[in-house]
Protein backbone atom coordinates (compact mmCIF):
# COMPACT_ATOMS: atom_id res chain seq x y z
CA MET A 1 -48.62 95.87 -90.06
CA PRO A 2 -47.52 94.87 -86.58
CA LYS A 3 -44.97 92.07 -86.40
CA LEU A 4 -45.73 88.91 -84.55
CA SER A 5 -43.31 87.18 -82.25
CA PHE A 6 -43.08 83.40 -82.39
CA ALA A 7 -42.19 80.82 -79.79
CA GLU A 8 -42.05 77.08 -79.62
CA PRO A 9 -44.25 76.33 -76.62
CA VAL A 10 -42.16 75.29 -73.63
CA GLY A 11 -43.90 74.72 -70.33
CA ASP A 12 -47.55 74.49 -69.50
CA ALA A 13 -48.37 78.21 -69.86
CA MET A 14 -47.18 78.35 -73.48
CA LEU A 15 -48.67 74.96 -74.28
CA ALA A 16 -51.97 76.32 -72.91
CA ASP A 17 -51.68 79.28 -75.32
CA TRP A 18 -51.29 76.87 -78.24
CA GLN A 19 -54.16 74.77 -76.85
CA HIS A 20 -56.45 77.81 -76.58
CA VAL A 21 -55.96 78.80 -80.22
CA HIS A 22 -56.39 75.21 -81.42
CA ASN A 23 -59.56 74.68 -79.40
CA VAL A 24 -61.16 77.93 -80.60
CA ILE A 25 -60.43 77.13 -84.26
CA ILE A 26 -61.28 73.42 -84.03
CA PRO A 27 -64.15 73.14 -81.54
CA THR A 28 -64.95 69.64 -82.80
CA ASP A 29 -61.59 68.34 -81.54
CA ILE A 30 -61.02 69.94 -78.14
CA LEU A 31 -57.59 68.96 -76.82
CA SER A 32 -56.55 68.63 -73.20
CA LEU A 33 -53.21 69.98 -72.04
CA GLU A 34 -51.94 66.39 -71.82
CA GLU A 35 -52.88 65.82 -75.47
CA VAL A 36 -51.09 69.04 -76.45
CA ARG A 37 -47.97 67.85 -74.61
CA GLU A 38 -48.12 64.61 -76.60
CA ARG A 39 -48.47 66.51 -79.90
CA ALA A 40 -45.54 68.73 -78.98
CA GLY A 41 -43.45 65.58 -78.67
CA ARG A 42 -44.14 64.43 -82.22
CA ASN A 43 -44.86 67.66 -84.14
CA HIS A 44 -43.28 71.08 -84.38
CA LEU A 45 -45.61 73.56 -82.65
CA GLU A 46 -45.36 77.35 -82.47
CA VAL A 47 -47.44 80.09 -80.94
CA ALA A 48 -47.73 83.53 -82.51
CA TYR A 49 -47.97 86.47 -80.13
CA LEU A 50 -48.96 90.09 -80.64
CA ASP A 51 -47.94 92.28 -77.73
CA GLY A 52 -47.70 89.20 -75.52
CA GLU A 53 -51.15 87.85 -76.40
CA PRO A 54 -51.56 84.63 -78.38
CA VAL A 55 -53.20 85.29 -81.75
CA GLY A 56 -52.38 82.12 -83.65
CA CYS A 57 -50.50 78.86 -83.71
CA THR A 58 -48.98 76.42 -86.13
CA THR A 59 -48.49 72.70 -86.33
CA ILE A 60 -45.99 71.07 -88.62
CA ARG A 61 -46.46 67.35 -88.87
CA LEU A 62 -42.94 66.37 -89.69
CA PRO A 63 -41.96 64.18 -92.61
CA ALA A 64 -42.28 60.50 -91.71
CA SER A 65 -39.71 57.85 -92.54
CA ASP A 66 -42.16 56.23 -95.00
CA SER A 67 -42.88 59.60 -96.67
CA PRO A 68 -39.77 61.77 -96.12
CA SER A 69 -40.75 64.40 -98.68
CA MET A 70 -44.23 65.16 -97.28
CA ALA A 71 -45.16 67.39 -94.34
CA THR A 72 -48.44 68.82 -93.13
CA VAL A 73 -48.46 72.55 -92.33
CA ILE A 74 -51.39 73.95 -90.36
CA ALA A 75 -51.69 77.66 -89.52
CA ARG A 76 -54.48 78.93 -87.24
CA ILE A 77 -55.42 82.55 -86.49
CA LEU A 78 -58.03 83.55 -83.94
CA PRO A 79 -61.04 85.18 -85.65
CA ASP A 80 -60.43 88.65 -84.17
CA TYR A 81 -56.96 88.74 -85.77
CA ARG A 82 -57.83 87.55 -89.27
CA HIS A 83 -57.50 89.65 -92.42
CA GLN A 84 -54.53 91.58 -90.99
CA GLY A 85 -51.67 89.62 -92.58
CA PHE A 86 -50.95 87.51 -89.50
CA GLY A 87 -51.98 84.29 -91.22
CA GLU A 88 -49.52 85.04 -93.98
CA GLN A 89 -46.69 85.50 -91.46
CA LEU A 90 -47.59 82.26 -89.68
CA TYR A 91 -48.01 80.25 -92.85
CA GLN A 92 -44.79 81.44 -94.52
CA ARG A 93 -42.77 80.72 -91.39
CA ALA A 94 -44.21 77.20 -91.05
CA LEU A 95 -43.81 76.51 -94.78
CA GLU A 96 -40.14 77.55 -94.69
CA HIS A 97 -39.55 75.31 -91.66
CA ALA A 98 -41.19 72.31 -93.36
CA ARG A 99 -39.14 72.84 -96.51
CA ALA A 100 -35.94 73.17 -94.46
CA LEU A 101 -36.73 69.70 -93.08
CA GLY A 102 -36.77 68.36 -96.65
CA ALA A 103 -40.49 68.42 -97.40
CA THR A 104 -41.29 68.95 -101.06
CA THR A 105 -44.95 67.95 -100.81
CA ILE A 106 -46.96 70.14 -98.45
CA GLU A 107 -50.42 69.32 -97.19
CA THR A 108 -52.79 71.03 -94.78
CA VAL A 109 -56.07 70.21 -93.11
CA VAL A 110 -58.92 72.63 -92.42
CA LEU A 111 -62.23 72.14 -90.65
CA ALA A 112 -64.90 72.46 -93.36
CA SER A 113 -66.85 75.05 -91.34
CA ASN A 114 -63.76 77.32 -91.27
CA GLU A 115 -64.55 79.24 -94.46
CA ASP A 116 -61.73 81.76 -93.84
CA GLY A 117 -59.24 78.90 -93.49
CA LEU A 118 -60.42 77.20 -96.67
CA ARG A 119 -60.25 80.47 -98.64
CA PHE A 120 -56.75 81.13 -97.28
CA ALA A 121 -55.54 77.65 -98.26
CA GLU A 122 -57.04 77.85 -101.73
CA ALA A 123 -55.63 81.36 -102.27
CA HIS A 124 -52.19 79.91 -101.47
CA GLY A 125 -52.47 77.17 -104.08
CA PHE A 126 -53.86 74.28 -102.04
CA VAL A 127 -56.38 71.96 -103.67
CA GLU A 128 -58.74 69.57 -101.93
CA ILE A 129 -57.67 65.92 -101.96
CA ASP A 130 -59.97 64.41 -99.33
CA ARG A 131 -62.91 65.21 -97.09
CA TYR A 132 -63.91 63.07 -94.11
CA VAL A 133 -65.91 63.12 -90.89
CA LEU A 134 -64.37 61.61 -87.78
CA PRO A 135 -66.48 59.14 -85.77
CA GLY A 136 -68.96 61.01 -83.61
CA ASP A 137 -68.46 64.32 -85.47
CA THR A 138 -70.78 66.08 -87.88
CA ILE A 139 -68.38 68.56 -89.49
CA ALA A 140 -65.90 67.32 -92.07
CA PHE A 141 -62.17 67.90 -92.16
CA VAL A 142 -60.75 68.86 -95.54
CA ASP A 143 -57.29 67.64 -96.56
CA LEU A 144 -55.58 69.84 -99.12
CA ARG A 145 -52.28 69.59 -100.99
CA LEU A 146 -50.17 72.43 -102.30
CA ALA A 147 -50.39 72.20 -106.09
């Protein structure tokens, strides 16, 4: 299996790579480049590349002062690159990073229409804890916690 390279997005070109993956996977929550910059300031973001092309991205919502043992780990793989082990590489890397920051409780969130993402999360031991629809949306987000 080809190895991915990973980079924390620095500069607009790399932030746009992260943005592209996010917006393809979560079409109900399209982010502008400005919104991605803001997220990069409060979360740990990475982009996964295969031969220089973005194939996935991660978000780690860092432990908060009121919940220092909990982090949210989100791994996204573009549809054309799924079922090739790339999601596993992305997820394991993000999980290790979250745990290195002290997180012992790991959560994730998946758009309910992303059946591949839900199957991946469940296969990795996540269980659903909440399901909600944001104002103006029609597709639910599913919060899951690593059992």
